[in-house]
Amino acid sequence: MNKIKLSCFVFAILLGAFMFIYGGMDDSPGGQLLGLVVGILGIVGIIRSRKKTPTQV
């Protein structure tokens, strides 16, 4: 898997967690929802990219 792509997905997960926590402190349900969506997209991106790579034995 491409290291840049993996680091972008990890950054998306971290950004989503930050947005979710900050949205909770700011009492902003929209901010929490955006953080949740960004975090889920990061997780799904990692899973999909791991499934595309051939298995090395």
PDB file of N, CA and C in Angstrom:
ATOM      1  N   MET A   1       0.855  -1.172   0.000  1.00  0.00           N
ATOM      2  CA  MET A   1       0.000   0.000   0.000  1.00  0.00           C
ATOM      3  C   MET A   1       0.901   1.235   0.000  1.00  0.00           C
ATOM      4  N   ASN A   2       0.435   2.227  -0.680  1.00  0.00           N
ATOM      5  CA  ASN A   2       1.179   3.471  -0.780  1.00  0.00           C
ATOM      6  C   ASN A   2       1.247   4.153   0.595  1.00  0.00           C
ATOM      7  N   LYS A   3       2.441   4.545   1.009  1.00  0.00           N
ATOM      8  CA  LYS A   3       2.615   5.136   2.340  1.00  0.00           C
ATOM      9  C   LYS A   3       1.943   6.495   2.450  1.00  0.00           C
ATOM     10  N   ILE A   4       1.923   7.239   1.372  1.00  0.00           N
ATOM     11  CA  ILE A   4       1.274   8.553   1.400  1.00  0.00           C
ATOM     12  C   ILE A   4      -0.234   8.394   1.563  1.00  0.00           C
ATOM     13  N   LYS A   5      -0.800   7.430   0.863  1.00  0.00           N
ATOM     14  CA  LYS A   5      -2.239   7.181   0.959  1.00  0.00           C
ATOM     15  C   LYS A   5      -2.612   6.729   2.371  1.00  0.00           C
ATOM     16  N   LEU A   6      -1.810   5.840   2.939  1.00  0.00           N
ATOM     17  CA  LEU A   6      -2.062   5.367   4.294  1.00  0.00           C
ATOM     18  C   LEU A   6      -1.969   6.511   5.298  1.00  0.00           C
ATOM     19  N   SER A   7      -0.964   7.369   5.146  1.00  0.00           N
ATOM     20  CA  SER A   7      -0.822   8.483   6.079  1.00  0.00           C
ATOM     21  C   SER A   7      -1.976   9.477   5.944  1.00  0.00           C
ATOM     22  N   CYS A   8      -2.509   9.643   4.745  1.00  0.00           N
ATOM     23  CA  CYS A   8      -3.672  10.521   4.566  1.00  0.00           C
ATOM     24  C   CYS A   8      -4.905   9.951   5.257  1.00  0.00           C
ATOM     25  N   PHE A   9      -5.094   8.632   5.170  1.00  0.00           N
ATOM     26  CA  PHE A   9      -6.234   8.013   5.845  1.00  0.00           C
ATOM     27  C   PHE A   9      -6.094   8.099   7.364  1.00  0.00           C
ATOM     28  N   VAL A  10      -4.890   7.898   7.870  1.00  0.00           N
ATOM     29  CA  VAL A  10      -4.663   8.019   9.311  1.00  0.00           C
ATOM     30  C   VAL A  10      -4.897   9.461   9.757  1.00  0.00           C
ATOM     31  N   PHE A  11      -4.442  10.423   8.963  1.00  0.00           N
ATOM     32  CA  PHE A  11      -4.685  11.830   9.278  1.00  0.00           C
ATOM     33  C   PHE A  11      -6.180  12.135   9.277  1.00  0.00           C
ATOM     34  N   ALA A  12      -6.933  11.533   8.345  1.00  0.00           N
ATOM     35  CA  ALA A  12      -8.383  11.746   8.305  1.00  0.00           C
ATOM     36  C   ALA A  12      -9.045  11.200   9.565  1.00  0.00           C
ATOM     37  N   ILE A  13      -8.577  10.054  10.051  1.00  0.00           N
ATOM     38  CA  ILE A  13      -9.135   9.492  11.283  1.00  0.00           C
ATOM     39  C   ILE A  13      -8.840  10.414  12.464  1.00  0.00           C
ATOM     40  N   LEU A  14      -7.613  10.906  12.551  1.00  0.00           N
ATOM     41  CA  LEU A  14      -7.251  11.809  13.649  1.00  0.00           C
ATOM     42  C   LEU A  14      -8.019  13.127  13.565  1.00  0.00           C
ATOM     43  N   LEU A  15      -8.171  13.652  12.354  1.00  0.00           N
ATOM     44  CA  LEU A  15      -8.927  14.888  12.174  1.00  0.00           C
ATOM     45  C   LEU A  15     -10.397  14.680  12.540  1.00  0.00           C
ATOM     46  N   GLY A  16     -10.948  13.539  12.171  1.00  0.00           N
ATOM     47  CA  GLY A  16     -12.331  13.236  12.524  1.00  0.00           C
ATOM     48  C   GLY A  16     -12.528  13.148  14.025  1.00  0.00           C
ATOM     49  N   ALA A  17     -11.573  12.518  14.715  1.00  0.00           N
ATOM     50  CA  ALA A  17     -11.663  12.430  16.176  1.00  0.00           C
ATOM     51  C   ALA A  17     -11.579  13.815  16.807  1.00  0.00           C
ATOM     52  N   PHE A  18     -10.673  14.653  16.296  1.00  0.00           N
ATOM     53  CA  PHE A  18     -10.552  16.017  16.813  1.00  0.00           C
ATOM     54  C   PHE A  18     -11.837  16.801  16.574  1.00  0.00           C
ATOM     55  N   MET A  19     -12.391  16.689  15.362  1.00  0.00           N
ATOM     56  CA  MET A  19     -13.620  17.426  15.051  1.00  0.00           C
ATOM     57  C   MET A  19     -14.777  16.950  15.921  1.00  0.00           C
ATOM     58  N   PHE A  20     -14.850  15.646  16.182  1.00  0.00           N
ATOM     59  CA  PHE A  20     -15.922  15.106  17.010  1.00  0.00           C
ATOM     60  C   PHE A  20     -15.817  15.630  18.439  1.00  0.00           C
ATOM     61  N   ILE A  21     -14.612  15.625  18.983  1.00  0.00           N
ATOM     62  CA  ILE A  21     -14.418  16.103  20.358  1.00  0.00           C
ATOM     63  C   ILE A  21     -14.650  17.607  20.445  1.00  0.00           C
ATOM     64  N   TYR A  22     -14.104  18.363  19.495  1.00  0.00           N
ATOM     65  CA  TYR A  22     -14.284  19.814  19.520  1.00  0.00           C
ATOM     66  C   TYR A  22     -15.749  20.184  19.292  1.00  0.00           C
ATOM     67  N   GLY A  23     -16.437  19.458  18.433  1.00  0.00           N
ATOM     68  CA  GLY A  23     -17.862  19.714  18.220  1.00  0.00           C
ATOM     69  C   GLY A  23     -18.677  19.442  19.471  1.00  0.00           C
ATOM     70  N   GLY A  24     -18.251  18.462  20.267  1.00  0.00           N
ATOM     71  CA  GLY A  24     -18.932  18.177  21.528  1.00  0.00           C
ATOM     72  C   GLY A  24     -18.703  19.271  22.554  1.00  0.00           C
ATOM     73  N   MET A  25     -17.480  19.800  22.603  1.00  0.00           N
ATOM     74  CA  MET A  25     -17.190  20.879  23.554  1.00  0.00           C
ATOM     75  C   MET A  25     -17.886  22.173  23.145  1.00  0.00           C
ATOM     76  N   ASP A  26     -18.019  22.383  21.842  1.00  0.00           N
ATOM     77  CA  ASP A  26     -18.635  23.601  21.325  1.00  0.00           C
ATOM     78  C   ASP A  26     -20.155  23.470  21.254  1.00  0.00           C
ATOM     79  N   ASP A  27     -20.680  22.298  21.616  1.00  0.00           N
ATOM     80  CA  ASP A  27     -22.109  21.996  21.559  1.00  0.00           C
ATOM     81  C   ASP A  27     -22.640  22.166  20.135  1.00  0.00           C
ATOM     82  N   SER A  28     -21.923  21.572  19.193  1.00  0.00           N
ATOM     83  CA  SER A  28     -22.274  21.681  17.781  1.00  0.00           C
ATOM     84  C   SER A  28     -22.525  20.284  17.212  1.00  0.00           C
ATOM     85  N   PRO A  29     -23.796  19.910  17.050  1.00  0.00           N
ATOM     86  CA  PRO A  29     -24.064  18.571  16.507  1.00  0.00           C
ATOM     87  C   PRO A  29     -23.593  18.414  15.068  1.00  0.00           C
ATOM     88  N   GLY A  30     -23.568  19.504  14.304  1.00  0.00           N
ATOM     89  CA  GLY A  30     -23.075  19.427  12.929  1.00  0.00           C
ATOM     90  C   GLY A  30     -21.586  19.142  12.885  1.00  0.00           C
ATOM     91  N   GLY A  31     -20.841  19.744  13.799  1.00  0.00           N
ATOM     92  CA  GLY A  31     -19.403  19.490  13.875  1.00  0.00           C
ATOM     93  C   GLY A  31     -19.111  18.060  14.285  1.00  0.00           C
ATOM     94  N   GLN A  32     -19.917  17.541  15.215  1.00  0.00           N
ATOM     95  CA  GLN A  32     -19.743  16.152  15.623  1.00  0.00           C
ATOM     96  C   GLN A  32     -20.061  15.205  14.476  1.00  0.00           C
ATOM     97  N   LEU A  33     -21.092  15.505  13.723  1.00  0.00           N
ATOM     98  CA  LEU A  33     -21.456  14.647  12.595  1.00  0.00           C
ATOM     99  C   LEU A  33     -20.369  14.662  11.528  1.00  0.00           C
ATOM    100  N   LEU A  34     -19.833  15.839  11.225  1.00  0.00           N
ATOM    101  CA  LEU A  34     -18.748  15.911  10.245  1.00  0.00           C
ATOM    102  C   LEU A  34     -17.517  15.142  10.725  1.00  0.00           C
ATOM    103  N   GLY A  35     -17.205  15.248  11.997  1.00  0.00           N
ATOM    104  CA  GLY A  35     -16.079  14.495  12.542  1.00  0.00           C
ATOM    105  C   GLY A  35     -16.298  12.997  12.453  1.00  0.00           C
ATOM    106  N   LEU A  36     -17.517  12.566  12.730  1.00  0.00           N
ATOM    107  CA  LEU A  36     -17.843  11.145  12.631  1.00  0.00           C
ATOM    108  C   LEU A  36     -17.731  10.657  11.196  1.00  0.00           C
ATOM    109  N   VAL A  37     -18.231  11.445  10.259  1.00  0.00           N
ATOM    110  CA  VAL A  37     -18.173  11.066   8.843  1.00  0.00           C
ATOM    111  C   VAL A  37     -16.729  10.998   8.359  1.00  0.00           C
ATOM    112  N   VAL A  38     -15.911  11.977   8.731  1.00  0.00           N
ATOM    113  CA  VAL A  38     -14.509  11.984   8.303  1.00  0.00           C
ATOM    114  C   VAL A  38     -13.762  10.789   8.896  1.00  0.00           C
ATOM    115  N   GLY A  39     -14.013  10.482  10.153  1.00  0.00           N
ATOM    116  CA  GLY A  39     -13.367   9.327  10.781  1.00  0.00           C
ATOM    117  C   GLY A  39     -13.769   8.017  10.138  1.00  0.00           C
ATOM    118  N   ILE A  40     -15.050   7.870   9.844  1.00  0.00           N
ATOM    119  CA  ILE A  40     -15.527   6.642   9.198  1.00  0.00           C
ATOM    120  C   ILE A  40     -14.959   6.517   7.790  1.00  0.00           C
ATOM    121  N   LEU A  41     -14.886   7.620   7.060  1.00  0.00           N
ATOM    122  CA  LEU A  41     -14.303   7.570   5.717  1.00  0.00           C
ATOM    123  C   LEU A  41     -12.824   7.180   5.766  1.00  0.00           C
ATOM    124  N   GLY A  42     -12.114   7.632   6.767  1.00  0.00           N
ATOM    125  CA  GLY A  42     -10.718   7.230   6.917  1.00  0.00           C
ATOM    126  C   GLY A  42     -10.575   5.743   7.190  1.00  0.00           C
ATOM    127  N   ILE A  43     -11.437   5.213   8.051  1.00  0.00           N
ATOM    128  CA  ILE A  43     -11.399   3.781   8.360  1.00  0.00           C
ATOM    129  C   ILE A  43     -11.774   2.955   7.138  1.00  0.00           C
ATOM    130  N   VAL A  44     -12.823   3.360   6.443  1.00  0.00           N
ATOM    131  CA  VAL A  44     -13.248   2.642   5.237  1.00  0.00           C
ATOM    132  C   VAL A  44     -12.165   2.706   4.165  1.00  0.00           C
ATOM    133  N   GLY A  45     -11.504   3.831   4.038  1.00  0.00           N
ATOM    134  CA  GLY A  45     -10.428   3.960   3.058  1.00  0.00           C
ATOM    135  C   GLY A  45      -9.281   3.008   3.335  1.00  0.00           C
ATOM    136  N   ILE A  46      -8.914   2.865   4.605  1.00  0.00           N
ATOM    137  CA  ILE A  46      -7.841   1.930   4.955  1.00  0.00           C
ATOM    138  C   ILE A  46      -8.264   0.498   4.664  1.00  0.00           C
ATOM    139  N   ILE A  47      -9.490   0.149   5.021  1.00  0.00           N
ATOM    140  CA  ILE A  47      -9.967  -1.220   4.792  1.00  0.00           C
ATOM    141  C   ILE A  47     -10.020  -1.529   3.308  1.00  0.00           C
ATOM    142  N   ARG A  48     -10.542  -0.611   2.516  1.00  0.00           N
ATOM    143  CA  ARG A  48     -10.642  -0.857   1.072  1.00  0.00           C
ATOM    144  C   ARG A  48      -9.274  -0.954   0.417  1.00  0.00           C
ATOM    145  N   SER A  49      -8.332  -0.133   0.840  1.00  0.00           N
ATOM    146  CA  SER A  49      -7.007  -0.191   0.226  1.00  0.00           C
ATOM    147  C   SER A  49      -6.254  -1.447   0.661  1.00  0.00           C
ATOM    148  N   ARG A  50      -6.508  -1.957   1.863  1.00  0.00           N
ATOM    149  CA  ARG A  50      -5.872  -3.193   2.310  1.00  0.00           C
ATOM    150  C   ARG A  50      -6.427  -4.401   1.556  1.00  0.00           C
ATOM    151  N   LYS A  51      -7.700  -4.359   1.176  1.00  0.00           N
ATOM    152  CA  LYS A  51      -8.293  -5.477   0.441  1.00  0.00           C
ATOM    153  C   LYS A  51      -7.788  -5.536  -0.994  1.00  0.00           C
ATOM    154  N   LYS A  52      -7.392  -4.402  -1.558  1.00  0.00           N
ATOM    155  CA  LYS A  52      -6.933  -4.370  -2.944  1.00  0.00           C
ATOM    156  C   LYS A  52      -5.509  -4.886  -3.101  1.00  0.00           C
ATOM    157  N   THR A  53      -4.709  -4.813  -2.048  1.00  0.00           N
ATOM    158  CA  THR A  53      -3.322  -5.255  -2.168  1.00  0.00           C
ATOM    159  C   THR A  53      -3.263  -6.778  -2.126  1.00  0.00           C
ATOM    160  N   PRO A  54      -2.397  -7.387  -2.934  1.00  0.00           N
ATOM    161  CA  PRO A  54      -2.287  -8.849  -2.916  1.00  0.00           C
ATOM    162  C   PRO A  54      -1.659  -9.326  -1.608  1.00  0.00           C
ATOM    163  N   THR A  55      -2.067 -10.494  -1.182  1.00  0.00           N
ATOM    164  CA  THR A  55      -1.559 -11.058   0.060  1.00  0.00           C
ATOM    165  C   THR A  55      -0.158 -11.610  -0.164  1.00  0.00           C
ATOM    166  N   GLN A  56       0.760 -11.225   0.701  1.00  0.00           N
ATOM    167  CA  GLN A  56       2.129 -11.723   0.596  1.00  0.00           C
ATOM    168  C   GLN A  56       2.329 -12.832   1.611  1.00  0.00           C
ATOM    169  N   VAL A  57       2.855 -13.958   1.146  1.00  0.00           N
ATOM    170  CA  VAL A  57       3.052 -15.108   2.034  1.00  0.00           C
ATOM    171  C   VAL A  57       4.504 -15.241   2.394  1.00  0.00           C
TER     172      VAL A  57
END
